[in-house]
Amino acid sequence: MSSKAQISKKDYERGLRIADRRKEMGLLQDELAHRVGIGRQALSAIENGGDFKVSVLRKIAVVLNCSTDELLYGVFSSINEEMQDNIMNELKRMSKDEIKKWLYMLRAVNDIS
């Protein structure tokens, strides 16, 4: 299976969501492209509905501080905030050592995917 997102045609709405989020954050295409590790032309193509690698989508979501679902499907909701609240509540209950262990595990999982 390809590591590229499975898109049968250009998804202009997805591209607009990415561009709108980038603009909300006050980033130029050059800035976002640099932070993601792609060229400005590649980002322009993505914002115009073009194909991309899943790894690029993940990096874009991280830089734009949102989920991949938000970018792909427009699922901008309080789910993200609710999840963050739940995570913060759990972290408050943990010791520093437990938090360090979870942080190492999260980084390891992120490196694998």
PDB file of N, CA and C in Angstrom:
ATOM      1  N   MET A   1       0.832  -1.179   0.000  1.00  0.00           N
ATOM      2  CA  MET A   1       0.000   0.000   0.000  1.00  0.00           C
ATOM      3  C   MET A   1       0.879   1.246   0.000  1.00  0.00           C
ATOM      4  N   SER A   2       0.509   2.227  -0.724  1.00  0.00           N
ATOM      5  CA  SER A   2       1.283   3.450  -0.853  1.00  0.00           C
ATOM      6  C   SER A   2       1.218   4.286   0.417  1.00  0.00           C
ATOM      7  N   SER A   3       2.288   5.047   0.657  1.00  0.00           N
ATOM      8  CA  SER A   3       2.280   5.938   1.812  1.00  0.00           C
ATOM      9  C   SER A   3       1.638   7.276   1.473  1.00  0.00           C
ATOM     10  N   LYS A   4       1.147   7.395   0.251  1.00  0.00           N
ATOM     11  CA  LYS A   4       0.453   8.618  -0.140  1.00  0.00           C
ATOM     12  C   LYS A   4      -1.008   8.510   0.247  1.00  0.00           C
ATOM     13  N   ALA A   5      -1.587   9.651   0.582  1.00  0.00           N
ATOM     14  CA  ALA A   5      -3.013   9.670   0.924  1.00  0.00           C
ATOM     15  C   ALA A   5      -3.793   9.199  -0.297  1.00  0.00           C
ATOM     16  N   GLN A   6      -4.801   8.404  -0.070  1.00  0.00           N
ATOM     17  CA  GLN A   6      -5.595   7.859  -1.158  1.00  0.00           C
ATOM     18  C   GLN A   6      -6.655   8.873  -1.584  1.00  0.00           C
ATOM     19  N   ILE A   7      -6.361   9.594  -2.644  1.00  0.00           N
ATOM     20  CA  ILE A   7      -7.258  10.626  -3.133  1.00  0.00           C
ATOM     21  C   ILE A   7      -7.468  10.404  -4.617  1.00  0.00           C
ATOM     22  N   SER A   8      -8.720  10.234  -5.035  1.00  0.00           N
ATOM     23  CA  SER A   8      -8.995   9.937  -6.433  1.00  0.00           C
ATOM     24  C   SER A   8      -9.043  11.201  -7.284  1.00  0.00           C
ATOM     25  N   LYS A   9      -9.333  12.320  -6.696  1.00  0.00           N
ATOM     26  CA  LYS A   9      -9.345  13.582  -7.421  1.00  0.00           C
ATOM     27  C   LYS A   9      -8.874  14.680  -6.484  1.00  0.00           C
ATOM     28  N   LYS A  10      -8.644  15.831  -7.042  1.00  0.00           N
ATOM     29  CA  LYS A  10      -8.184  16.935  -6.207  1.00  0.00           C
ATOM     30  C   LYS A  10      -9.241  17.267  -5.160  1.00  0.00           C
ATOM     31  N   ASP A  11      -8.777  17.547  -3.961  1.00  0.00           N
ATOM     32  CA  ASP A  11      -9.667  17.899  -2.867  1.00  0.00           C
ATOM     33  C   ASP A  11      -9.439  19.373  -2.536  1.00  0.00           C
ATOM     34  N   TYR A  12     -10.166  20.225  -3.256  1.00  0.00           N
ATOM     35  CA  TYR A  12      -9.980  21.657  -3.096  1.00  0.00           C
ATOM     36  C   TYR A  12     -10.391  22.139  -1.707  1.00  0.00           C
ATOM     37  N   GLU A  13     -11.428  21.533  -1.138  1.00  0.00           N
ATOM     38  CA  GLU A  13     -11.882  21.937   0.196  1.00  0.00           C
ATOM     39  C   GLU A  13     -10.811  21.654   1.247  1.00  0.00           C
ATOM     40  N   ARG A  14     -10.156  20.498   1.140  1.00  0.00           N
ATOM     41  CA  ARG A  14      -9.069  20.169   2.058  1.00  0.00           C
ATOM     42  C   ARG A  14      -7.956  21.195   1.929  1.00  0.00           C
ATOM     43  N   GLY A  15      -7.616  21.524   0.699  1.00  0.00           N
ATOM     44  CA  GLY A  15      -6.576  22.521   0.460  1.00  0.00           C
ATOM     45  C   GLY A  15      -6.928  23.874   1.054  1.00  0.00           C
ATOM     46  N   LEU A  16      -8.191  24.249   0.934  1.00  0.00           N
ATOM     47  CA  LEU A  16      -8.645  25.514   1.518  1.00  0.00           C
ATOM     48  C   LEU A  16      -8.569  25.481   3.040  1.00  0.00           C
ATOM     49  N   ARG A  17      -8.893  24.333   3.638  1.00  0.00           N
ATOM     50  CA  ARG A  17      -8.801  24.220   5.097  1.00  0.00           C
ATOM     51  C   ARG A  17      -7.356  24.416   5.557  1.00  0.00           C
ATOM     52  N   ILE A  18      -6.425  23.819   4.833  1.00  0.00           N
ATOM     53  CA  ILE A  18      -5.009  23.951   5.185  1.00  0.00           C
ATOM     54  C   ILE A  18      -4.573  25.408   5.020  1.00  0.00           C
ATOM     55  N   ALA A  19      -4.929  26.016   3.893  1.00  0.00           N
ATOM     56  CA  ALA A  19      -4.542  27.412   3.640  1.00  0.00           C
ATOM     57  C   ALA A  19      -5.174  28.350   4.667  1.00  0.00           C
ATOM     58  N   ASP A  20      -6.449  28.132   4.972  1.00  0.00           N
ATOM     59  CA  ASP A  20      -7.132  28.987   5.948  1.00  0.00           C
ATOM     60  C   ASP A  20      -6.493  28.869   7.327  1.00  0.00           C
ATOM     61  N   ARG A  21      -6.174  27.642   7.733  1.00  0.00           N
ATOM     62  CA  ARG A  21      -5.548  27.443   9.040  1.00  0.00           C
ATOM     63  C   ARG A  21      -4.170  28.101   9.067  1.00  0.00           C
ATOM     64  N   ARG A  22      -3.420  27.966   7.979  1.00  0.00           N
ATOM     65  CA  ARG A  22      -2.093  28.592   7.881  1.00  0.00           C
ATOM     66  C   ARG A  22      -2.218  30.107   8.040  1.00  0.00           C
ATOM     67  N   LYS A  23      -3.181  30.691   7.367  1.00  0.00           N
ATOM     68  CA  LYS A  23      -3.385  32.140   7.436  1.00  0.00           C
ATOM     69  C   LYS A  23      -3.838  32.569   8.828  1.00  0.00           C
ATOM     70  N   GLU A  24      -4.701  31.766   9.467  1.00  0.00           N
ATOM     71  CA  GLU A  24      -5.137  32.063  10.834  1.00  0.00           C
ATOM     72  C   GLU A  24      -3.946  32.160  11.776  1.00  0.00           C
ATOM     73  N   MET A  25      -2.952  31.330  11.514  1.00  0.00           N
ATOM     74  CA  MET A  25      -1.755  31.311  12.366  1.00  0.00           C
ATOM     75  C   MET A  25      -0.727  32.353  11.938  1.00  0.00           C
ATOM     76  N   GLY A  26      -1.040  33.109  10.893  1.00  0.00           N
ATOM     77  CA  GLY A  26      -0.153  34.176  10.446  1.00  0.00           C
ATOM     78  C   GLY A  26       1.091  33.693   9.740  1.00  0.00           C
ATOM     79  N   LEU A  27       1.011  32.520   9.112  1.00  0.00           N
ATOM     80  CA  LEU A  27       2.166  31.957   8.415  1.00  0.00           C
ATOM     81  C   LEU A  27       2.047  32.165   6.908  1.00  0.00           C
ATOM     82  N   LEU A  28       3.155  32.495   6.287  1.00  0.00           N
ATOM     83  CA  LEU A  28       3.219  32.527   4.831  1.00  0.00           C
ATOM     84  C   LEU A  28       3.479  31.110   4.334  1.00  0.00           C
ATOM     85  N   GLN A  29       3.206  30.867   3.052  1.00  0.00           N
ATOM     86  CA  GLN A  29       3.472  29.548   2.492  1.00  0.00           C
ATOM     87  C   GLN A  29       4.923  29.147   2.689  1.00  0.00           C
ATOM     88  N   ASP A  30       5.836  30.082   2.455  1.00  0.00           N
ATOM     89  CA  ASP A  30       7.263  29.790   2.622  1.00  0.00           C
ATOM     90  C   ASP A  30       7.577  29.325   4.037  1.00  0.00           C
ATOM     91  N   GLU A  31       6.970  29.988   5.028  1.00  0.00           N
ATOM     92  CA  GLU A  31       7.240  29.645   6.429  1.00  0.00           C
ATOM     93  C   GLU A  31       6.724  28.253   6.779  1.00  0.00           C
ATOM     94  N   LEU A  32       5.474  27.971   6.377  1.00  0.00           N
ATOM     95  CA  LEU A  32       4.909  26.660   6.671  1.00  0.00           C
ATOM     96  C   LEU A  32       5.690  25.576   5.947  1.00  0.00           C
ATOM     97  N   ALA A  33       5.986  25.796   4.687  1.00  0.00           N
ATOM     98  CA  ALA A  33       6.735  24.808   3.907  1.00  0.00           C
ATOM     99  C   ALA A  33       8.076  24.508   4.568  1.00  0.00           C
ATOM    100  N   HIS A  34       8.776  25.557   5.010  1.00  0.00           N
ATOM    101  CA  HIS A  34      10.074  25.375   5.662  1.00  0.00           C
ATOM    102  C   HIS A  34       9.928  24.553   6.938  1.00  0.00           C
ATOM    103  N   ARG A  35       8.942  24.874   7.761  1.00  0.00           N
ATOM    104  CA  ARG A  35       8.741  24.157   9.024  1.00  0.00           C
ATOM    105  C   ARG A  35       8.371  22.698   8.805  1.00  0.00           C
ATOM    106  N   VAL A  36       7.656  22.433   7.709  1.00  0.00           N
ATOM    107  CA  VAL A  36       7.234  21.061   7.395  1.00  0.00           C
ATOM    108  C   VAL A  36       8.357  20.289   6.711  1.00  0.00           C
ATOM    109  N   GLY A  37       9.259  21.007   6.062  1.00  0.00           N
ATOM    110  CA  GLY A  37      10.370  20.352   5.373  1.00  0.00           C
ATOM    111  C   GLY A  37      10.082  20.031   3.926  1.00  0.00           C
ATOM    112  N   ILE A  38       9.216  20.844   3.308  1.00  0.00           N
ATOM    113  CA  ILE A  38       8.907  20.683   1.887  1.00  0.00           C
ATOM    114  C   ILE A  38       9.113  22.030   1.206  1.00  0.00           C
ATOM    115  N   GLY A  39       9.087  22.027  -0.110  1.00  0.00           N
ATOM    116  CA  GLY A  39       9.224  23.272  -0.857  1.00  0.00           C
ATOM    117  C   GLY A  39       7.916  24.051  -0.892  1.00  0.00           C
ATOM    118  N   ARG A  40       8.020  25.351  -1.153  1.00  0.00           N
ATOM    119  CA  ARG A  40       6.830  26.183  -1.231  1.00  0.00           C
ATOM    120  C   ARG A  40       5.905  25.729  -2.352  1.00  0.00           C
ATOM    121  N   GLN A  41       6.474  25.289  -3.462  1.00  0.00           N
ATOM    122  CA  GLN A  41       5.646  24.828  -4.577  1.00  0.00           C
ATOM    123  C   GLN A  41       4.867  23.571  -4.198  1.00  0.00           C
ATOM    124  N   ALA A  42       5.488  22.687  -3.423  1.00  0.00           N
ATOM    125  CA  ALA A  42       4.790  21.483  -2.965  1.00  0.00           C
ATOM    126  C   ALA A  42       3.631  21.867  -2.054  1.00  0.00           C
ATOM    127  N   LEU A  43       3.853  22.829  -1.161  1.00  0.00           N
ATOM    128  CA  LEU A  43       2.768  23.278  -0.284  1.00  0.00           C
ATOM    129  C   LEU A  43       1.665  23.939  -1.095  1.00  0.00           C
ATOM    130  N   SER A  44       2.040  24.731  -2.065  1.00  0.00           N
ATOM    131  CA  SER A  44       1.052  25.364  -2.928  1.00  0.00           C
ATOM    132  C   SER A  44       0.184  24.312  -3.623  1.00  0.00           C
ATOM    133  N   ALA A  45       0.820  23.254  -4.103  1.00  0.00           N
ATOM    134  CA  ALA A  45       0.075  22.174  -4.754  1.00  0.00           C
ATOM    135  C   ALA A  45      -0.893  21.516  -3.769  1.00  0.00           C
ATOM    136  N   ILE A  46      -0.452  21.306  -2.522  1.00  0.00           N
ATOM    137  CA  ILE A  46      -1.319  20.708  -1.499  1.00  0.00           C
ATOM    138  C   ILE A  46      -2.499  21.626  -1.224  1.00  0.00           C
ATOM    139  N   GLU A  47      -2.237  22.922  -1.094  1.00  0.00           N
ATOM    140  CA  GLU A  47      -3.311  23.884  -0.819  1.00  0.00           C
ATOM    141  C   GLU A  47      -4.255  24.027  -2.007  1.00  0.00           C
ATOM    142  N   ASN A  48      -3.819  23.594  -3.180  1.00  0.00           N
ATOM    143  CA  ASN A  48      -4.682  23.600  -4.354  1.00  0.00           C
ATOM    144  C   ASN A  48      -5.314  22.238  -4.609  1.00  0.00           C
ATOM    145  N   GLY A  49      -5.317  21.384  -3.574  1.00  0.00           N
ATOM    146  CA  GLY A  49      -6.006  20.110  -3.655  1.00  0.00           C
ATOM    147  C   GLY A  49      -5.177  18.951  -4.132  1.00  0.00           C
ATOM    148  N   GLY A  50      -3.879  19.135  -4.281  1.00  0.00           N
ATOM    149  CA  GLY A  50      -3.013  18.085  -4.791  1.00  0.00           C
ATOM    150  C   GLY A  50      -2.719  16.983  -3.790  1.00  0.00           C
ATOM    151  N   ASP A  51      -2.064  15.943  -4.275  1.00  0.00           N
ATOM    152  CA  ASP A  51      -1.716  14.763  -3.492  1.00  0.00           C
ATOM    153  C   ASP A  51      -0.533  15.056  -2.573  1.00  0.00           C
ATOM    154  N   PHE A  52      -0.362  14.237  -1.552  1.00  0.00           N
ATOM    155  CA  PHE A  52       0.694  14.430  -0.578  1.00  0.00           C
ATOM    156  C   PHE A  52       0.945  13.129   0.153  1.00  0.00           C
ATOM    157  N   LYS A  53       2.091  13.042   0.813  1.00  0.00           N
ATOM    158  CA  LYS A  53       2.403  11.884   1.648  1.00  0.00           C
ATOM    159  C   LYS A  53       1.749  12.069   3.013  1.00  0.00           C
ATOM    160  N   VAL A  54       1.358  10.970   3.611  1.00  0.00           N
ATOM    161  CA  VAL A  54       0.738  11.013   4.927  1.00  0.00           C
ATOM    162  C   VAL A  54       1.689  11.648   5.942  1.00  0.00           C
ATOM    163  N   SER A  55       2.973  11.369   5.825  1.00  0.00           N
ATOM    164  CA  SER A  55       3.947  11.949   6.757  1.00  0.00           C
ATOM    165  C   SER A  55       3.958  13.473   6.660  1.00  0.00           C
ATOM    166  N   VAL A  56       3.747  14.009   5.465  1.00  0.00           N
ATOM    167  CA  VAL A  56       3.689  15.455   5.284  1.00  0.00           C
ATOM    168  C   VAL A  56       2.433  16.014   5.958  1.00  0.00           C
ATOM    169  N   LEU A  57       1.318  15.312   5.803  1.00  0.00           N
ATOM    170  CA  LEU A  57       0.078  15.750   6.446  1.00  0.00           C
ATOM    171  C   LEU A  57       0.257  15.818   7.963  1.00  0.00           C
ATOM    172  N   ARG A  58       0.904  14.816   8.528  1.00  0.00           N
ATOM    173  CA  ARG A  58       1.133  14.806   9.976  1.00  0.00           C
ATOM    174  C   ARG A  58       1.966  16.008  10.403  1.00  0.00           C
ATOM    175  N   LYS A  59       2.996  16.311   9.635  1.00  0.00           N
ATOM    176  CA  LYS A  59       3.854  17.453   9.974  1.00  0.00           C
ATOM    177  C   LYS A  59       3.086  18.767   9.845  1.00  0.00           C
ATOM    178  N   ILE A  60       2.268  18.883   8.812  1.00  0.00           N
ATOM    179  CA  ILE A  60       1.460  20.095   8.640  1.00  0.00           C
ATOM    180  C   ILE A  60       0.531  20.265   9.836  1.00  0.00           C
ATOM    181  N   ALA A  61      -0.104  19.186  10.256  1.00  0.00           N
ATOM    182  CA  ALA A  61      -1.031  19.246  11.396  1.00  0.00           C
ATOM    183  C   ALA A  61      -0.306  19.682  12.663  1.00  0.00           C
ATOM    184  N   VAL A  62       0.908  19.171  12.874  1.00  0.00           N
ATOM    185  CA  VAL A  62       1.672  19.551  14.067  1.00  0.00           C
ATOM    186  C   VAL A  62       1.984  21.042  14.035  1.00  0.00           C
ATOM    187  N   VAL A  63       2.477  21.516  12.907  1.00  0.00           N
ATOM    188  CA  VAL A  63       2.847  22.934  12.796  1.00  0.00           C
ATOM    189  C   VAL A  63       1.613  23.822  12.938  1.00  0.00           C
ATOM    190  N   LEU A  64       0.483  23.376  12.379  1.00  0.00           N
ATOM    191  CA  LEU A  64      -0.740  24.176  12.440  1.00  0.00           C
ATOM    192  C   LEU A  64      -1.538  23.932  13.716  1.00  0.00           C
ATOM    193  N   ASN A  65      -0.979  23.103  14.610  1.00  0.00           N
ATOM    194  CA  ASN A  65      -1.588  22.850  15.911  1.00  0.00           C
ATOM    195  C   ASN A  65      -3.035  22.376  15.787  1.00  0.00           C
ATOM    196  N   CYS A  66      -3.233  21.353  14.955  1.00  0.00           N
ATOM    197  CA  CYS A  66      -4.561  20.770  14.800  1.00  0.00           C
ATOM    198  C   CYS A  66      -4.386  19.290  14.457  1.00  0.00           C
ATOM    199  N   SER A  67      -5.493  18.584  14.334  1.00  0.00           N
ATOM    200  CA  SER A  67      -5.413  17.162  14.006  1.00  0.00           C
ATOM    201  C   SER A  67      -5.448  16.957  12.491  1.00  0.00           C
ATOM    202  N   THR A  68      -5.014  15.792  12.072  1.00  0.00           N
ATOM    203  CA  THR A  68      -5.098  15.465  10.647  1.00  0.00           C
ATOM    204  C   THR A  68      -6.558  15.372  10.210  1.00  0.00           C
ATOM    205  N   ASP A  69      -7.437  14.905  11.093  1.00  0.00           N
ATOM    206  CA  ASP A  69      -8.868  14.842  10.763  1.00  0.00           C
ATOM    207  C   ASP A  69      -9.423  16.233  10.491  1.00  0.00           C
ATOM    208  N   GLU A  70      -8.962  17.201  11.260  1.00  0.00           N
ATOM    209  CA  GLU A  70      -9.424  18.578  11.041  1.00  0.00           C
ATOM    210  C   GLU A  70      -9.047  19.042   9.638  1.00  0.00           C
ATOM    211  N   LEU A  71      -7.827  18.714   9.214  1.00  0.00           N
ATOM    212  CA  LEU A  71      -7.383  19.135   7.891  1.00  0.00           C
ATOM    213  C   LEU A  71      -8.051  18.337   6.781  1.00  0.00           C
ATOM    214  N   LEU A  72      -8.171  17.030   6.977  1.00  0.00           N
ATOM    215  CA  LEU A  72      -8.748  16.179   5.932  1.00  0.00           C
ATOM    216  C   LEU A  72     -10.250  16.345   5.785  1.00  0.00           C
ATOM    217  N   TYR A  73     -10.952  16.392   6.900  1.00  0.00           N
ATOM    218  CA  TYR A  73     -12.411  16.310   6.860  1.00  0.00           C
ATOM    219  C   TYR A  73     -13.125  17.540   7.396  1.00  0.00           C
ATOM    220  N   GLY A  74     -12.386  18.500   7.919  1.00  0.00           N
ATOM    221  CA  GLY A  74     -13.025  19.696   8.442  1.00  0.00           C
ATOM    222  C   GLY A  74     -13.719  19.476   9.762  1.00  0.00           C
ATOM    223  N   VAL A  75     -13.239  18.505  10.532  1.00  0.00           N
ATOM    224  CA  VAL A  75     -13.850  18.179  11.815  1.00  0.00           C
ATOM    225  C   VAL A  75     -13.231  19.080  12.877  1.00  0.00           C
ATOM    226  N   PHE A  76     -13.531  20.374  12.782  1.00  0.00           N
ATOM    227  CA  PHE A  76     -13.041  21.323  13.772  1.00  0.00           C
ATOM    228  C   PHE A  76     -14.094  21.401  14.871  1.00  0.00           C
ATOM    229  N   SER A  77     -13.773  20.840  15.986  1.00  0.00           N
ATOM    230  CA  SER A  77     -14.743  20.806  17.076  1.00  0.00           C
ATOM    231  C   SER A  77     -14.033  20.898  18.405  1.00  0.00           C
ATOM    232  N   SER A  78     -14.801  20.760  19.442  1.00  0.00           N
ATOM    233  CA  SER A  78     -14.235  20.837  20.784  1.00  0.00           C
ATOM    234  C   SER A  78     -13.587  19.517  21.188  1.00  0.00           C
ATOM    235  N   ILE A  79     -13.603  18.517  20.290  1.00  0.00           N
ATOM    236  CA  ILE A  79     -12.986  17.237  20.614  1.00  0.00           C
ATOM    237  C   ILE A  79     -11.521  17.435  20.971  1.00  0.00           C
ATOM    238  N   ASN A  80     -10.838  18.255  20.207  1.00  0.00           N
ATOM    239  CA  ASN A  80      -9.425  18.520  20.481  1.00  0.00           C
ATOM    240  C   ASN A  80      -9.246  19.125  21.866  1.00  0.00           C
ATOM    241  N   GLU A  81     -10.060  20.118  22.189  1.00  0.00           N
ATOM    242  CA  GLU A  81      -9.963  20.761  23.498  1.00  0.00           C
ATOM    243  C   GLU A  81     -10.322  19.787  24.611  1.00  0.00           C
ATOM    244  N   GLU A  82     -11.359  18.992  24.384  1.00  0.00           N
ATOM    245  CA  GLU A  82     -11.767  18.009  25.389  1.00  0.00           C
ATOM    246  C   GLU A  82     -10.658  16.992  25.617  1.00  0.00           C
ATOM    247  N   MET A  83     -10.034  16.540  24.530  1.00  0.00           N
ATOM    248  CA  MET A  83      -8.943  15.585  24.646  1.00  0.00           C
ATOM    249  C   MET A  83      -7.769  16.200  25.402  1.00  0.00           C
ATOM    250  N   GLN A  84      -7.452  17.439  25.091  1.00  0.00           N
ATOM    251  CA  GLN A  84      -6.361  18.112  25.784  1.00  0.00           C
ATOM    252  C   GLN A  84      -6.661  18.249  27.274  1.00  0.00           C
ATOM    253  N   ASP A  85      -7.916  18.567  27.610  1.00  0.00           N
ATOM    254  CA  ASP A  85      -8.307  18.672  29.019  1.00  0.00           C
ATOM    255  C   ASP A  85      -8.142  17.331  29.723  1.00  0.00           C
ATOM    256  N   ASN A  86      -8.563  16.251  29.048  1.00  0.00           N
ATOM    257  CA  ASN A  86      -8.431  14.918  29.636  1.00  0.00           C
ATOM    258  C   ASN A  86      -6.969  14.548  29.861  1.00  0.00           C
ATOM    259  N   ILE A  87      -6.141  14.868  28.891  1.00  0.00           N
ATOM    260  CA  ILE A  87      -4.715  14.572  29.011  1.00  0.00           C
ATOM    261  C   ILE A  87      -4.116  15.364  30.167  1.00  0.00           C
ATOM    262  N   MET A  88      -4.453  16.640  30.249  1.00  0.00           N
ATOM    263  CA  MET A  88      -3.921  17.475  31.334  1.00  0.00           C
ATOM    264  C   MET A  88      -4.362  16.954  32.695  1.00  0.00           C
ATOM    265  N   ASN A  89      -5.604  16.519  32.812  1.00  0.00           N
ATOM    266  CA  ASN A  89      -6.092  15.972  34.076  1.00  0.00           C
ATOM    267  C   ASN A  89      -5.313  14.721  34.466  1.00  0.00           C
ATOM    268  N   GLU A  90      -5.031  13.863  33.486  1.00  0.00           N
ATOM    269  CA  GLU A  90      -4.263  12.652  33.769  1.00  0.00           C
ATOM    270  C   GLU A  90      -2.834  12.999  34.173  1.00  0.00           C
ATOM    271  N   LEU A  91      -2.238  13.965  33.476  1.00  0.00           N
ATOM    272  CA  LEU A  91      -0.870  14.364  33.795  1.00  0.00           C
ATOM    273  C   LEU A  91      -0.765  14.927  35.210  1.00  0.00           C
ATOM    274  N   LYS A  92      -1.785  15.646  35.630  1.00  0.00           N
ATOM    275  CA  LYS A  92      -1.775  16.219  36.980  1.00  0.00           C
ATOM    276  C   LYS A  92      -1.762  15.137  38.057  1.00  0.00           C
ATOM    277  N   ARG A  93      -2.291  13.967  37.735  1.00  0.00           N
ATOM    278  CA  ARG A  93      -2.347  12.862  38.690  1.00  0.00           C
ATOM    279  C   ARG A  93      -1.049  12.054  38.735  1.00  0.00           C
ATOM    280  N   MET A  94      -0.168  12.267  37.768  1.00  0.00           N
ATOM    281  CA  MET A  94       1.043  11.454  37.657  1.00  0.00           C
ATOM    282  C   MET A  94       2.227  12.102  38.358  1.00  0.00           C
ATOM    283  N   SER A  95       3.174  11.250  38.732  1.00  0.00           N
ATOM    284  CA  SER A  95       4.440  11.743  39.273  1.00  0.00           C
ATOM    285  C   SER A  95       5.328  12.189  38.100  1.00  0.00           C
ATOM    286  N   LYS A  96       6.395  12.888  38.400  1.00  0.00           N
ATOM    287  CA  LYS A  96       7.323  13.332  37.350  1.00  0.00           C
ATOM    288  C   LYS A  96       7.923  12.141  36.603  1.00  0.00           C
ATOM    289  N   ASP A  97       8.236  11.082  37.331  1.00  0.00           N
ATOM    290  CA  ASP A  97       8.801   9.887  36.690  1.00  0.00           C
ATOM    291  C   ASP A  97       7.798   9.242  35.736  1.00  0.00           C
ATOM    292  N   GLU A  98       6.540   9.173  36.134  1.00  0.00           N
ATOM    293  CA  GLU A  98       5.511   8.597  35.257  1.00  0.00           C
ATOM    294  C   GLU A  98       5.331   9.452  34.004  1.00  0.00           C
ATOM    295  N   ILE A  99       5.372  10.753  34.171  1.00  0.00           N
ATOM    296  CA  ILE A  99       5.232  11.652  33.028  1.00  0.00           C
ATOM    297  C   ILE A  99       6.405  11.464  32.059  1.00  0.00           C
ATOM    298  N   LYS A 100       7.623  11.330  32.596  1.00  0.00           N
ATOM    299  CA  LYS A 100       8.797  11.103  31.752  1.00  0.00           C
ATOM    300  C   LYS A 100       8.651   9.817  30.949  1.00  0.00           C
ATOM    301  N   LYS A 101       8.161   8.751  31.591  1.00  0.00           N
ATOM    302  CA  LYS A 101       7.972   7.470  30.899  1.00  0.00           C
ATOM    303  C   LYS A 101       6.972   7.623  29.756  1.00  0.00           C
ATOM    304  N   TRP A 102       5.860   8.302  30.024  1.00  0.00           N
ATOM    305  CA  TRP A 102       4.853   8.506  28.981  1.00  0.00           C
ATOM    306  C   TRP A 102       5.405   9.351  27.838  1.00  0.00           C
ATOM    307  N   LEU A 103       6.191  10.351  28.174  1.00  0.00           N
ATOM    308  CA  LEU A 103       6.782  11.192  27.148  1.00  0.00           C
ATOM    309  C   LEU A 103       7.711  10.388  26.245  1.00  0.00           C
ATOM    310  N   TYR A 104       8.543   9.530  26.844  1.00  0.00           N
ATOM    311  CA  TYR A 104       9.428   8.671  26.049  1.00  0.00           C
ATOM    312  C   TYR A 104       8.622   7.737  25.151  1.00  0.00           C
ATOM    313  N   MET A 105       7.532   7.187  25.684  1.00  0.00           N
ATOM    314  CA  MET A 105       6.696   6.280  24.886  1.00  0.00           C
ATOM    315  C   MET A 105       6.037   7.029  23.732  1.00  0.00           C
ATOM    316  N   LEU A 106       5.531   8.229  23.991  1.00  0.00           N
ATOM    317  CA  LEU A 106       4.903   9.008  22.931  1.00  0.00           C
ATOM    318  C   LEU A 106       5.901   9.324  21.815  1.00  0.00           C
ATOM    319  N   ARG A 107       7.101   9.703  22.221  1.00  0.00           N
ATOM    320  CA  ARG A 107       8.128  10.009  21.208  1.00  0.00           C
ATOM    321  C   ARG A 107       8.494   8.772  20.403  1.00  0.00           C
ATOM    322  N   ALA A 108       8.560   7.628  21.062  1.00  0.00           N
ATOM    323  CA  ALA A 108       8.896   6.385  20.361  1.00  0.00           C
ATOM    324  C   ALA A 108       7.796   6.015  19.367  1.00  0.00           C
ATOM    325  N   VAL A 109       6.564   6.145  19.762  1.00  0.00           N
ATOM    326  CA  VAL A 109       5.441   5.843  18.869  1.00  0.00           C
ATOM    327  C   VAL A 109       5.449   6.811  17.686  1.00  0.00           C
ATOM    328  N   ASN A 110       5.708   8.067  17.949  1.00  0.00           N
ATOM    329  CA  ASN A 110       5.752   9.072  16.881  1.00  0.00           C
ATOM    330  C   ASN A 110       6.884   8.773  15.901  1.00  0.00           C
ATOM    331  N   ASP A 111       8.017   8.305  16.400  1.00  0.00           N
ATOM    332  CA  ASP A 111       9.151   7.963  15.536  1.00  0.00           C
ATOM    333  C   ASP A 111       8.851   6.756  14.657  1.00  0.00           C
ATOM    334  N   ILE A 112       8.035   5.838  15.152  1.00  0.00           N
ATOM    335  CA  ILE A 112       7.680   4.627  14.396  1.00  0.00           C
ATOM    336  C   ILE A 112       6.724   4.960  13.268  1.00  0.00           C
ATOM    337  N   SER A 113       5.774   5.843  13.522  1.00  0.00           N
ATOM    338  CA  SER A 113       4.736   6.145  12.513  1.00  0.00           C
ATOM    339  C   SER A 113       5.162   7.140  11.498  1.00  0.00           C
TER     340      SER A 113
END
